[in-house]
Each structure stands twice: as C-alpha cells, then as structure tokens.
C-alpha cells in the first residue's frame, strides 16, 4: 500500500497511524484468504485422490481375479501397463473397468 504527496510531511501522525492500521487489517485478511484457498485446494485434491484410488483398487481386484495373483502383483501389472502406455495409473485402471463393467465405480464417502 502506497500513499503519495507532492510535498514531504503532508500526512499527520494520526493519518499515518490509521493507514498503518488499515494495512495491517488488509494483510491479515489476505493471509486468511490465502490459507482458506490452500485448505480448499488440499480438500479438493484429497477428494480427487480418493476417487482415483477407488478406481485403481477396483481395477486391481479385477486383475487379481483374472490372473489369480496377489494384490502386490496386480498393482505391479497395473503400474507396468501405465508406464508402457505412458498413461496415468488411474486412466489405465478406468480403461480396465470400462471393459468389464457397464458403469463406472463410485467412491463411498461423504465429501
């Protein structure tokens, strides 16, 4: 926040004090707004991660059933396919589920 005047010492000490108090309040409000935005972004990211994780876990279960393998082996196969196709793990998992099911999977938690 800047205040300009054509001559020096134009602002009275009370005016300077009130401007400083206003700047302090404005900076507090801005810091709070940034913290709220960060928290909202984190919540959105966690919600998306939970939804992606459900898709990945269900696809892992499909691989386990089809290949009669352990969860670790199924995850390794899924990760390998993701790497070879240069696709995100959740997209490969969604593709698998699309081939074995008519509908998508849902994450069962209250957002």
PDB file of N, CA and C in Angstrom:
ATOM      1  N   UNK A   1       0.857  -1.149   0.000  1.00  0.00           N
ATOM      2  CA  UNK A   1       0.000   0.000   0.000  1.00  0.00           C
ATOM      3  C   UNK A   1       0.910   1.221   0.000  1.00  0.00           C
ATOM      4  N   UNK A   2       0.632   2.119  -0.910  1.00  0.00           N
ATOM      5  CA  UNK A   2       1.459   3.321  -1.037  1.00  0.00           C
ATOM      6  C   UNK A   2       0.585   4.572  -0.957  1.00  0.00           C
ATOM      7  N   UNK A   3       1.108   5.605  -0.298  1.00  0.00           N
ATOM      8  CA  UNK A   3       0.467   6.907  -0.247  1.00  0.00           C
ATOM      9  C   UNK A   3       1.479   7.909  -0.755  1.00  0.00           C
ATOM     10  N   UNK A   4       1.040   8.787  -1.655  1.00  0.00           N
ATOM     11  CA  UNK A   4       1.946   9.753  -2.250  1.00  0.00           C
ATOM     12  C   UNK A   4       1.439  11.161  -1.995  1.00  0.00           C
ATOM     13  N   UNK A   5       2.376  12.087  -1.897  1.00  0.00           N
ATOM     14  CA  UNK A   5       2.035  13.508  -1.737  1.00  0.00           C
ATOM     15  C   UNK A   5       3.077  14.322  -2.492  1.00  0.00           C
ATOM     16  N   UNK A   6       2.660  15.486  -2.926  1.00  0.00           N
ATOM     17  CA  UNK A   6       3.564  16.351  -3.686  1.00  0.00           C
ATOM     18  C   UNK A   6       4.633  16.967  -2.794  1.00  0.00           C
ATOM     19  N   UNK A   7       4.370  17.088  -1.507  1.00  0.00           N
ATOM     20  CA  UNK A   7       5.311  17.704  -0.583  1.00  0.00           C
ATOM     21  C   UNK A   7       5.604  16.737   0.566  1.00  0.00           C
ATOM     22  N   UNK A   8       6.767  16.828   1.186  1.00  0.00           N
ATOM     23  CA  UNK A   8       7.069  15.970   2.332  1.00  0.00           C
ATOM     24  C   UNK A   8       6.278  16.397   3.572  1.00  0.00           C
ATOM     25  N   UNK A   9       6.112  15.457   4.489  1.00  0.00           N
ATOM     26  CA  UNK A   9       5.451  15.672   5.778  1.00  0.00           C
ATOM     27  C   UNK A   9       4.028  16.214   5.648  1.00  0.00           C
ATOM     28  N   UNK A  10       3.308  15.769   4.630  1.00  0.00           N
ATOM     29  CA  UNK A  10       1.929  16.209   4.425  1.00  0.00           C
ATOM     30  C   UNK A  10       0.979  15.441   5.345  1.00  0.00           C
ATOM     31  N   UNK A  11       1.270  14.182   5.579  1.00  0.00           N
ATOM     32  CA  UNK A  11       0.366  13.340   6.360  1.00  0.00           C
ATOM     33  C   UNK A  11       0.617  13.519   7.851  1.00  0.00           C
ATOM     34  N   UNK A  12      -0.441  13.750   8.574  1.00  0.00           N
ATOM     35  CA  UNK A  12      -0.354  13.914  10.023  1.00  0.00           C
ATOM     36  C   UNK A  12      -0.074  12.546  10.655  1.00  0.00           C
ATOM     37  N   UNK A  13       0.541  12.542  11.848  1.00  0.00           N
ATOM     38  CA  UNK A  13       0.836  11.264  12.510  1.00  0.00           C
ATOM     39  C   UNK A  13      -0.407  10.382  12.698  1.00  0.00           C
ATOM     40  N   UNK A  14      -1.549  10.992  12.989  1.00  0.00           N
ATOM     41  CA  UNK A  14      -2.787  10.213  13.141  1.00  0.00           C
ATOM     42  C   UNK A  14      -3.178   9.552  11.821  1.00  0.00           C
ATOM     43  N   UNK A  15      -3.004  10.238  10.711  1.00  0.00           N
ATOM     44  CA  UNK A  15      -3.318   9.689   9.386  1.00  0.00           C
ATOM     45  C   UNK A  15      -2.381   8.529   9.068  1.00  0.00           C
ATOM     46  N   UNK A  16      -1.113   8.682   9.395  1.00  0.00           N
ATOM     47  CA  UNK A  16      -0.142   7.609   9.171  1.00  0.00           C
ATOM     48  C   UNK A  16      -0.505   6.403  10.021  1.00  0.00           C
ATOM     49  N   UNK A  17      -0.858   6.639  11.270  1.00  0.00           N
ATOM     50  CA  UNK A  17      -1.237   5.546  12.170  1.00  0.00           C
ATOM     51  C   UNK A  17      -2.472   4.808  11.643  1.00  0.00           C
ATOM     52  N   UNK A  18      -3.479   5.540  11.182  1.00  0.00           N
ATOM     53  CA  UNK A  18      -4.696   4.910  10.650  1.00  0.00           C
ATOM     54  C   UNK A  18      -4.387   4.134   9.374  1.00  0.00           C
ATOM     55  N   UNK A  19      -3.508   4.655   8.533  1.00  0.00           N
ATOM     56  CA  UNK A  19      -3.127   3.944   7.299  1.00  0.00           C
ATOM     57  C   UNK A  19      -2.387   2.655   7.632  1.00  0.00           C
ATOM     58  N   UNK A  20      -1.507   2.721   8.624  1.00  0.00           N
ATOM     59  CA  UNK A  20      -0.777   1.516   9.048  1.00  0.00           C
ATOM     60  C   UNK A  20      -1.729   0.479   9.629  1.00  0.00           C
ATOM     61  N   UNK A  21      -2.708   0.921  10.412  1.00  0.00           N
ATOM     62  CA  UNK A  21      -3.691   0.002  10.992  1.00  0.00           C
ATOM     63  C   UNK A  21      -4.526  -0.641   9.878  1.00  0.00           C
ATOM     64  N   UNK A  22      -4.913   0.152   8.888  1.00  0.00           N
ATOM     65  CA  UNK A  22      -5.674  -0.384   7.762  1.00  0.00           C
ATOM     66  C   UNK A  22      -4.833  -1.406   6.989  1.00  0.00           C
ATOM     67  N   UNK A  23      -3.566  -1.092   6.760  1.00  0.00           N
ATOM     68  CA  UNK A  23      -2.681  -2.020   6.045  1.00  0.00           C
ATOM     69  C   UNK A  23      -2.528  -3.326   6.823  1.00  0.00           C
ATOM     70  N   UNK A  24      -2.442  -3.238   8.148  1.00  0.00           N
ATOM     71  CA  UNK A  24      -2.338  -4.435   8.978  1.00  0.00           C
ATOM     72  C   UNK A  24      -3.591  -5.296   8.846  1.00  0.00           C
ATOM     73  N   UNK A  25      -4.755  -4.672   8.900  1.00  0.00           N
ATOM     74  CA  UNK A  25      -6.005  -5.421   8.754  1.00  0.00           C
ATOM     75  C   UNK A  25      -6.112  -6.042   7.356  1.00  0.00           C
ATOM     76  N   UNK A  26      -5.733  -5.289   6.347  1.00  0.00           N
ATOM     77  CA  UNK A  26      -5.800  -5.813   4.982  1.00  0.00           C
ATOM     78  C   UNK A  26      -4.856  -7.003   4.801  1.00  0.00           C
ATOM     79  N   UNK A  27      -3.668  -6.932   5.385  1.00  0.00           N
ATOM     80  CA  UNK A  27      -2.723  -8.043   5.246  1.00  0.00           C
ATOM     81  C   UNK A  27      -3.213  -9.276   6.000  1.00  0.00           C
ATOM     82  N   UNK A  28      -3.861  -9.077   7.137  1.00  0.00           N
ATOM     83  CA  UNK A  28      -4.430 -10.216   7.869  1.00  0.00           C
ATOM     84  C   UNK A  28      -5.540 -10.881   7.060  1.00  0.00           C
ATOM     85  N   UNK A  29      -6.401 -10.069   6.462  1.00  0.00           N
ATOM     86  CA  UNK A  29      -7.495 -10.611   5.650  1.00  0.00           C
ATOM     87  C   UNK A  29      -6.947 -11.370   4.445  1.00  0.00           C
ATOM     88  N   UNK A  30      -5.906 -10.844   3.831  1.00  0.00           N
ATOM     89  CA  UNK A  30      -5.301 -11.517   2.687  1.00  0.00           C
ATOM     90  C   UNK A  30      -4.662 -12.832   3.099  1.00  0.00           C
ATOM     91  N   UNK A  31      -3.943 -12.842   4.217  1.00  0.00           N
ATOM     92  CA  UNK A  31      -3.339 -14.093   4.706  1.00  0.00           C
ATOM     93  C   UNK A  31      -4.410 -15.140   5.000  1.00  0.00           C
ATOM     94  N   UNK A  32      -5.514 -14.715   5.614  1.00  0.00           N
ATOM     95  CA  UNK A  32      -6.605 -15.641   5.908  1.00  0.00           C
ATOM     96  C   UNK A  32      -7.224 -16.177   4.615  1.00  0.00           C
ATOM     97  N   UNK A  33      -7.436 -15.307   3.646  1.00  0.00           N
ATOM     98  CA  UNK A  33      -7.997 -15.750   2.361  1.00  0.00           C
ATOM     99  C   UNK A  33      -7.074 -16.757   1.681  1.00  0.00           C
ATOM    100  N   UNK A  34      -5.785 -16.538   1.750  1.00  0.00           N
ATOM    101  CA  UNK A  34      -4.829 -17.479   1.152  1.00  0.00           C
ATOM    102  C   UNK A  34      -4.834 -18.815   1.881  1.00  0.00           C
ATOM    103  N   UNK A  35      -4.928 -18.774   3.210  1.00  0.00           N
ATOM    104  CA  UNK A  35      -4.991 -20.030   3.978  1.00  0.00           C
ATOM    105  C   UNK A  35      -6.260 -20.808   3.652  1.00  0.00           C
ATOM    106  N   UNK A  36      -7.372 -20.104   3.515  1.00  0.00           N
ATOM    107  CA  UNK A  36      -8.634 -20.767   3.165  1.00  0.00           C
ATOM    108  C   UNK A  36      -8.537 -21.374   1.775  1.00  0.00           C
ATOM    109  N   UNK A  37      -7.971 -20.650   0.831  1.00  0.00           N
ATOM    110  CA  UNK A  37      -7.823 -21.164  -0.532  1.00  0.00           C
ATOM    111  C   UNK A  37      -6.920 -22.395  -0.551  1.00  0.00           C
ATOM    112  N   UNK A  38      -5.815 -22.357   0.190  1.00  0.00           N
ATOM    113  CA  UNK A  38      -4.924 -23.515   0.267  1.00  0.00           C
ATOM    114  C   UNK A  38      -5.634 -24.725   0.857  1.00  0.00           C
ATOM    115  N   UNK A  39      -6.404 -24.495   1.895  1.00  0.00           N
ATOM    116  CA  UNK A  39      -7.136 -25.589   2.533  1.00  0.00           C
ATOM    117  C   UNK A  39      -8.174 -26.172   1.585  1.00  0.00           C
ATOM    118  N   UNK A  40      -8.860 -25.317   0.845  1.00  0.00           N
ATOM    119  CA  UNK A  40      -9.857 -25.793  -0.120  1.00  0.00           C
ATOM    120  C   UNK A  40      -9.187 -26.590  -1.235  1.00  0.00           C
ATOM    121  N   UNK A  41      -8.056 -26.109  -1.716  1.00  0.00           N
ATOM    122  CA  UNK A  41      -7.320 -26.847  -2.756  1.00  0.00           C
ATOM    123  C   UNK A  41      -6.882 -28.211  -2.248  1.00  0.00           C
ATOM    124  N   UNK A  42      -6.407 -28.265  -1.017  1.00  0.00           N
ATOM    125  CA  UNK A  42      -5.998 -29.538  -0.438  1.00  0.00           C
ATOM    126  C   UNK A  42      -7.187 -30.489  -0.328  1.00  0.00           C
ATOM    127  N   UNK A  43      -8.318 -29.983   0.126  1.00  0.00           N
ATOM    128  CA  UNK A  43      -9.517 -30.820   0.239  1.00  0.00           C
ATOM    129  C   UNK A  43      -9.949 -31.344  -1.128  1.00  0.00           C
ATOM    130  N   UNK A  44      -9.903 -30.489  -2.141  1.00  0.00           N
ATOM    131  CA  UNK A  44     -10.267 -30.918  -3.495  1.00  0.00           C
ATOM    132  C   UNK A  44      -9.308 -31.984  -4.006  1.00  0.00           C
ATOM    133  N   UNK A  45      -8.018 -31.780  -3.761  1.00  0.00           N
ATOM    134  CA  UNK A  45      -7.007 -32.758  -4.192  1.00  0.00           C
ATOM    135  C   UNK A  45      -7.205 -34.100  -3.487  1.00  0.00           C
ATOM    136  N   UNK A  46      -7.486 -34.061  -2.199  1.00  0.00           N
ATOM    137  CA  UNK A  46      -7.701 -35.302  -1.449  1.00  0.00           C
ATOM    138  C   UNK A  46      -8.960 -36.023  -1.917  1.00  0.00           C
ATOM    139  N   UNK A  47     -10.002 -35.265  -2.220  1.00  0.00           N
ATOM    140  CA  UNK A  47     -11.245 -35.863  -2.717  1.00  0.00           C
ATOM    141  C   UNK A  47     -10.988 -36.546  -4.063  1.00  0.00           C
ATOM    142  N   UNK A  48     -10.253 -35.884  -4.954  1.00  0.00           N
ATOM    143  CA  UNK A  48      -9.924 -36.470  -6.259  1.00  0.00           C
ATOM    144  C   UNK A  48      -9.044 -37.698  -6.091  1.00  0.00           C
ATOM    145  N   UNK A  49      -8.109 -37.634  -5.159  1.00  0.00           N
ATOM    146  CA  UNK A  49      -7.235 -38.789  -4.918  1.00  0.00           C
ATOM    147  C   UNK A  49      -8.034 -39.977  -4.400  1.00  0.00           C
ATOM    148  N   UNK A  50      -8.996 -39.728  -3.535  1.00  0.00           N
ATOM    149  CA  UNK A  50      -9.832 -40.821  -3.027  1.00  0.00           C
ATOM    150  C   UNK A  50     -10.636 -41.457  -4.151  1.00  0.00           C
ATOM    151  N   UNK A  51     -11.181 -40.623  -5.046  1.00  0.00           N
ATOM    152  CA  UNK A  51     -11.953 -41.155  -6.168  1.00  0.00           C
ATOM    153  C   UNK A  51     -11.051 -41.963  -7.093  1.00  0.00           C
ATOM    154  N   UNK A  52      -9.849 -41.459  -7.372  1.00  0.00           N
ATOM    155  CA  UNK A  52      -8.904 -42.186  -8.217  1.00  0.00           C
ATOM    156  C   UNK A  52      -8.478 -43.480  -7.544  1.00  0.00           C
ATOM    157  N   UNK A  53      -8.293 -43.429  -6.255  1.00  0.00           N
ATOM    158  CA  UNK A  53      -7.844 -44.614  -5.526  1.00  0.00           C
ATOM    159  C   UNK A  53      -8.886 -45.725  -5.584  1.00  0.00           C
ATOM    160  N   UNK A  54     -10.157 -45.362  -5.542  1.00  0.00           N
ATOM    161  CA  UNK A  54     -11.209 -46.366  -5.651  1.00  0.00           C
ATOM    162  C   UNK A  54     -11.141 -47.062  -7.001  1.00  0.00           C
ATOM    163  N   UNK A  55     -10.993 -46.296  -8.067  1.00  0.00           N
ATOM    164  CA  UNK A  55     -10.888 -46.864  -9.416  1.00  0.00           C
ATOM    165  C   UNK A  55      -9.690 -47.791  -9.504  1.00  0.00           C
ATOM    166  N   UNK A  56      -8.560 -47.359  -8.965  1.00  0.00           N
ATOM    167  CA  UNK A  56      -7.340 -48.165  -9.018  1.00  0.00           C
ATOM    168  C   UNK A  56      -7.513 -49.452  -8.205  1.00  0.00           C
ATOM    169  N   UNK A  57      -8.086 -49.345  -7.013  1.00  0.00           N
ATOM    170  CA  UNK A  57      -8.259 -50.529  -6.170  1.00  0.00           C
ATOM    171  C   UNK A  57      -9.219 -51.546  -6.790  1.00  0.00           C
ATOM    172  N   UNK A  58     -10.304 -51.063  -7.384  1.00  0.00           N
ATOM    173  CA  UNK A  58     -11.254 -51.989  -8.005  1.00  0.00           C
ATOM    174  C   UNK A  58     -10.618 -52.649  -9.225  1.00  0.00           C
ATOM    175  N   UNK A  59      -9.880 -51.886 -10.036  1.00  0.00           N
ATOM    176  CA  UNK A  59      -9.185 -52.462 -11.187  1.00  0.00           C
ATOM    177  C   UNK A  59      -8.152 -53.482 -10.726  1.00  0.00           C
ATOM    178  N   UNK A  60      -7.505 -53.206  -9.630  1.00  0.00           N
ATOM    179  CA  UNK A  60      -6.539 -54.142  -9.059  1.00  0.00           C
ATOM    180  C   UNK A  60      -7.241 -55.451  -8.698  1.00  0.00           C
ATOM    181  N   UNK A  61      -8.429 -55.344  -8.143  1.00  0.00           N
ATOM    182  CA  UNK A  61      -9.211 -56.532  -7.814  1.00  0.00           C
ATOM    183  C   UNK A  61      -9.582 -57.330  -9.049  1.00  0.00           C
ATOM    184  N   UNK A  62      -9.912 -56.637 -10.123  1.00  0.00           N
ATOM    185  CA  UNK A  62     -10.223 -57.317 -11.390  1.00  0.00           C
ATOM    186  C   UNK A  62      -9.000 -58.081 -11.881  1.00  0.00           C
ATOM    187  N   UNK A  63      -7.852 -57.440 -11.838  1.00  0.00           N
ATOM    188  CA  UNK A  63      -6.603 -58.100 -12.281  1.00  0.00           C
ATOM    189  C   UNK A  63      -6.318 -59.309 -11.400  1.00  0.00           C
ATOM    190  N   UNK A  64      -6.524 -59.163 -10.098  1.00  0.00           N
ATOM    191  CA  UNK A  64      -6.292 -60.282  -9.176  1.00  0.00           C
ATOM    192  C   UNK A  64      -7.197 -61.468  -9.534  1.00  0.00           C
ATOM    193  N   UNK A  65      -8.458 -61.174  -9.832  1.00  0.00           N
ATOM    194  CA  UNK A  65      -9.402 -62.248 -10.163  1.00  0.00           C
ATOM    195  C   UNK A  65      -9.057 -62.898 -11.498  1.00  0.00           C
ATOM    196  N   UNK A  66      -8.692 -62.097 -12.474  1.00  0.00           N
ATOM    197  CA  UNK A  66      -8.398 -62.638 -13.799  1.00  0.00           C
ATOM    198  C   UNK A  66      -7.104 -63.432 -13.823  1.00  0.00           C
ATOM    199  N   UNK A  67      -6.112 -62.984 -13.079  1.00  0.00           N
ATOM    200  CA  UNK A  67      -4.785 -63.603 -13.136  1.00  0.00           C
ATOM    201  C   UNK A  67      -4.480 -64.477 -11.929  1.00  0.00           C
ATOM    202  N   UNK A  68      -5.403 -64.538 -10.990  1.00  0.00           N
ATOM    203  CA  UNK A  68      -5.192 -65.301  -9.754  1.00  0.00           C
ATOM    204  C   UNK A  68      -3.829 -64.958  -9.135  1.00  0.00           C
ATOM    205  N   UNK A  69      -3.678 -63.679  -8.859  1.00  0.00           N
ATOM    206  CA  UNK A  69      -2.412 -63.203  -8.309  1.00  0.00           C
ATOM    207  C   UNK A  69      -2.677 -62.383  -7.055  1.00  0.00           C
ATOM    208  N   UNK A  70      -1.604 -61.994  -6.384  1.00  0.00           N
ATOM    209  CA  UNK A  70      -1.722 -61.195  -5.163  1.00  0.00           C
ATOM    210  C   UNK A  70      -1.988 -59.728  -5.513  1.00  0.00           C
ATOM    211  N   UNK A  71      -2.339 -58.973  -4.502  1.00  0.00           N
ATOM    212  CA  UNK A  71      -2.572 -57.548  -4.707  1.00  0.00           C
ATOM    213  C   UNK A  71      -1.284 -56.851  -5.162  1.00  0.00           C
ATOM    214  N   UNK A  72      -0.172 -57.211  -4.575  1.00  0.00           N
ATOM    215  CA  UNK A  72       1.103 -56.600  -4.969  1.00  0.00           C
ATOM    216  C   UNK A  72       1.418 -56.891  -6.430  1.00  0.00           C
ATOM    217  N   UNK A  73       1.184 -58.134  -6.857  1.00  0.00           N
ATOM    218  CA  UNK A  73       1.438 -58.498  -8.252  1.00  0.00           C
ATOM    219  C   UNK A  73       0.483 -57.758  -9.193  1.00  0.00           C
ATOM    220  N   UNK A  74      -0.767 -57.637  -8.783  1.00  0.00           N
ATOM    221  CA  UNK A  74      -1.745 -56.918  -9.594  1.00  0.00           C
ATOM    222  C   UNK A  74      -1.368 -55.438  -9.718  1.00  0.00           C
ATOM    223  N   UNK A  75      -0.939 -54.830  -8.628  1.00  0.00           N
ATOM    224  CA  UNK A  75      -0.513 -53.423  -8.672  1.00  0.00           C
ATOM    225  C   UNK A  75       0.716 -53.264  -9.557  1.00  0.00           C
ATOM    226  N   UNK A  76       1.616 -54.229  -9.500  1.00  0.00           N
ATOM    227  CA  UNK A  76       2.808 -54.174 -10.350  1.00  0.00           C
ATOM    228  C   UNK A  76       2.410 -54.253 -11.824  1.00  0.00           C
ATOM    229  N   UNK A  77       1.455 -55.123 -12.154  1.00  0.00           N
ATOM    230  CA  UNK A  77       0.981 -55.229 -13.538  1.00  0.00           C
ATOM    231  C   UNK A  77       0.317 -53.931 -13.989  1.00  0.00           C
ATOM    232  N   UNK A  78      -0.484 -53.357 -13.117  1.00  0.00           N
ATOM    233  CA  UNK A  78      -1.159 -52.105 -13.432  1.00  0.00           C
ATOM    234  C   UNK A  78      -0.145 -50.973 -13.633  1.00  0.00           C
ATOM    235  N   UNK A  79       0.849 -50.903 -12.750  1.00  0.00           N
ATOM    236  CA  UNK A  79       1.886 -49.873 -12.863  1.00  0.00           C
ATOM    237  C   UNK A  79       2.715 -50.071 -14.125  1.00  0.00           C
ATOM    238  N   UNK A  80       3.002 -51.304 -14.457  1.00  0.00           N
ATOM    239  CA  UNK A  80       3.777 -51.597 -15.666  1.00  0.00           C
ATOM    240  C   UNK A  80       3.001 -51.170 -16.909  1.00  0.00           C
ATOM    241  N   UNK A  81       1.702 -51.488 -16.949  1.00  0.00           N
ATOM    242  CA  UNK A  81       0.872 -51.078 -18.078  1.00  0.00           C
ATOM    243  C   UNK A  81       0.807 -49.555 -18.179  1.00  0.00           C
ATOM    244  N   UNK A  82       0.706 -48.897 -17.041  1.00  0.00           N
ATOM    245  CA  UNK A  82       0.680 -47.433 -17.014  1.00  0.00           C
ATOM    246  C   UNK A  82       1.969 -46.860 -17.587  1.00  0.00           C
ATOM    247  N   UNK A  83       3.078 -47.440 -17.197  1.00  0.00           N
ATOM    248  CA  UNK A  83       4.387 -46.968 -17.663  1.00  0.00           C
ATOM    249  C   UNK A  83       4.571 -47.213 -19.156  1.00  0.00           C
ATOM    250  N   UNK A  84       4.210 -48.403 -19.608  1.00  0.00           N
ATOM    251  CA  UNK A  84       4.398 -48.747 -21.026  1.00  0.00           C
ATOM    252  C   UNK A  84       3.492 -47.930 -21.932  1.00  0.00           C
ATOM    253  N   UNK A  85       2.306 -47.608 -21.457  1.00  0.00           N
ATOM    254  CA  UNK A  85       1.356 -46.836 -22.265  1.00  0.00           C
ATOM    255  C   UNK A  85       1.542 -45.333 -22.095  1.00  0.00           C
ATOM    256  N   UNK A  86       2.384 -44.960 -21.149  1.00  0.00           N
ATOM    257  CA  UNK A  86       2.610 -43.550 -20.831  1.00  0.00           C
ATOM    258  C   UNK A  86       1.280 -42.865 -20.471  1.00  0.00           C
ATOM    259  N   UNK A  87       0.494 -43.555 -19.640  1.00  0.00           N
ATOM    260  CA  UNK A  87      -0.778 -43.031 -19.166  1.00  0.00           C
ATOM    261  C   UNK A  87      -0.765 -43.026 -17.645  1.00  0.00           C
ATOM    262  N   UNK A  88      -1.600 -42.182 -17.099  1.00  0.00           N
ATOM    263  CA  UNK A  88      -1.732 -42.167 -15.641  1.00  0.00           C
ATOM    264  C   UNK A  88      -2.340 -43.490 -15.177  1.00  0.00           C
ATOM    265  N   UNK A  89      -1.939 -43.895 -13.997  1.00  0.00           N
ATOM    266  CA  UNK A  89      -2.412 -45.148 -13.423  1.00  0.00           C
ATOM    267  C   UNK A  89      -3.940 -45.178 -13.344  1.00  0.00           C
ATOM    268  N   UNK A  90      -4.531 -44.063 -12.944  1.00  0.00           N
ATOM    269  CA  UNK A  90      -5.998 -44.024 -12.816  1.00  0.00           C
ATOM    270  C   UNK A  90      -6.689 -44.171 -14.161  1.00  0.00           C
ATOM    271  N   UNK A  91      -6.060 -43.688 -15.247  1.00  0.00           N
ATOM    272  CA  UNK A  91      -6.653 -43.816 -16.575  1.00  0.00           C
ATOM    273  C   UNK A  91      -6.579 -45.255 -17.084  1.00  0.00           C
ATOM    274  N   UNK A  92      -5.473 -45.929 -16.805  1.00  0.00           N
ATOM    275  CA  UNK A  92      -5.356 -47.338 -17.177  1.00  0.00           C
ATOM    276  C   UNK A  92      -6.385 -48.150 -16.387  1.00  0.00           C
ATOM    277  N   UNK A  93      -6.508 -47.852 -15.100  1.00  0.00           N
ATOM    278  CA  UNK A  93      -7.477 -48.552 -14.254  1.00  0.00           C
ATOM    279  C   UNK A  93      -8.899 -48.317 -14.755  1.00  0.00           C
ATOM    280  N   UNK A  94      -9.222 -47.096 -15.129  1.00  0.00           N
ATOM    281  CA  UNK A  94     -10.554 -46.785 -15.644  1.00  0.00           C
ATOM    282  C   UNK A  94     -10.814 -47.536 -16.951  1.00  0.00           C
ATOM    283  N   UNK A  95      -9.788 -47.682 -17.771  1.00  0.00           N
ATOM    284  CA  UNK A  95      -9.931 -48.442 -19.009  1.00  0.00           C
ATOM    285  C   UNK A  95     -10.244 -49.904 -18.747  1.00  0.00           C
ATOM    286  N   UNK A  96      -9.587 -50.469 -17.775  1.00  0.00           N
ATOM    287  CA  UNK A  96      -9.851 -51.873 -17.398  1.00  0.00           C
ATOM    288  C   UNK A  96     -11.291 -52.019 -16.934  1.00  0.00           C
ATOM    289  N   UNK A  97     -11.726 -51.109 -16.076  1.00  0.00           N
ATOM    290  CA  UNK A  97     -13.089 -51.189 -15.554  1.00  0.00           C
ATOM    291  C   UNK A  97     -14.124 -50.956 -16.648  1.00  0.00           C
ATOM    292  N   UNK A  98     -13.785 -50.134 -17.616  1.00  0.00           N
ATOM    293  CA  UNK A  98     -14.691 -49.892 -18.734  1.00  0.00           C
ATOM    294  C   UNK A  98     -14.914 -51.137 -19.580  1.00  0.00           C
ATOM    295  N   UNK A  99     -13.914 -52.019 -19.617  1.00  0.00           N
ATOM    296  CA  UNK A  99     -14.031 -53.250 -20.402  1.00  0.00           C
ATOM    297  C   UNK A  99     -14.782 -54.352 -19.662  1.00  0.00           C
ATOM    298  N   UNK A 100     -14.855 -54.277 -18.341  1.00  0.00           N
ATOM    299  CA  UNK A 100     -15.508 -55.358 -17.591  1.00  0.00           C
ATOM    300  C   UNK A 100     -16.834 -54.933 -16.961  1.00  0.00           C
ATOM    301  N   UNK A 101     -17.196 -53.675 -17.061  1.00  0.00           N
ATOM    302  CA  UNK A 101     -18.401 -53.190 -16.394  1.00  0.00           C
ATOM    303  C   UNK A 101     -19.095 -52.159 -17.270  1.00  0.00           C
ATOM    304  N   UNK A 102     -20.412 -52.101 -17.149  1.00  0.00           N
ATOM    305  CA  UNK A 102     -21.175 -51.111 -17.911  1.00  0.00           C
ATOM    306  C   UNK A 102     -21.066 -49.714 -17.303  1.00  0.00           C
ATOM    307  N   UNK A 103     -20.988 -49.643 -15.997  1.00  0.00           N
ATOM    308  CA  UNK A 103     -20.944 -48.357 -15.314  1.00  0.00           C
ATOM    309  C   UNK A 103     -19.619 -48.134 -14.625  1.00  0.00           C
ATOM    310  N   UNK A 104     -19.382 -46.905 -14.239  1.00  0.00           N
ATOM    311  CA  UNK A 104     -18.160 -46.586 -13.518  1.00  0.00           C
ATOM    312  C   UNK A 104     -18.286 -46.955 -12.055  1.00  0.00           C
ATOM    313  N   UNK A 105     -17.194 -46.868 -11.358  1.00  0.00           N
ATOM    314  CA  UNK A 105     -17.198 -47.147  -9.929  1.00  0.00           C
ATOM    315  C   UNK A 105     -17.463 -45.854  -9.176  1.00  0.00           C
ATOM    316  N   UNK A 106     -17.983 -45.998  -7.974  1.00  0.00           N
ATOM    317  CA  UNK A 106     -18.231 -44.833  -7.131  1.00  0.00           C
ATOM    318  C   UNK A 106     -17.439 -44.973  -5.856  1.00  0.00           C
ATOM    319  N   UNK A 107     -17.011 -43.864  -5.360  1.00  0.00           N
ATOM    320  CA  UNK A 107     -16.337 -43.817  -4.082  1.00  0.00           C
ATOM    321  C   UNK A 107     -17.394 -43.595  -3.012  1.00  0.00           C
ATOM    322  N   UNK A 108     -17.399 -44.419  -2.002  1.00  0.00           N
ATOM    323  CA  UNK A 108     -18.434 -44.343  -0.975  1.00  0.00           C
ATOM    324  C   UNK A 108     -17.912 -43.639   0.271  1.00  0.00           C
ATOM    325  N   UNK A 109     -17.916 -42.319   0.201  1.00  0.00           N
ATOM    326  CA  UNK A 109     -17.612 -41.500   1.366  1.00  0.00           C
ATOM    327  C   UNK A 109     -18.332 -40.188   1.193  1.00  0.00           C
ATOM    328  N   UNK A 110     -18.616 -39.531   2.281  1.00  0.00           N
ATOM    329  CA  UNK A 110     -19.310 -38.246   2.223  1.00  0.00           C
ATOM    330  C   UNK A 110     -18.290 -37.145   2.038  1.00  0.00           C
ATOM    331  N   UNK A 111     -18.391 -36.394   0.924  1.00  0.00           N
ATOM    332  CA  UNK A 111     -17.419 -35.313   0.683  1.00  0.00           C
ATOM    333  C   UNK A 111     -17.584 -34.144   1.616  1.00  0.00           C
TER     334      UNK A 111
END
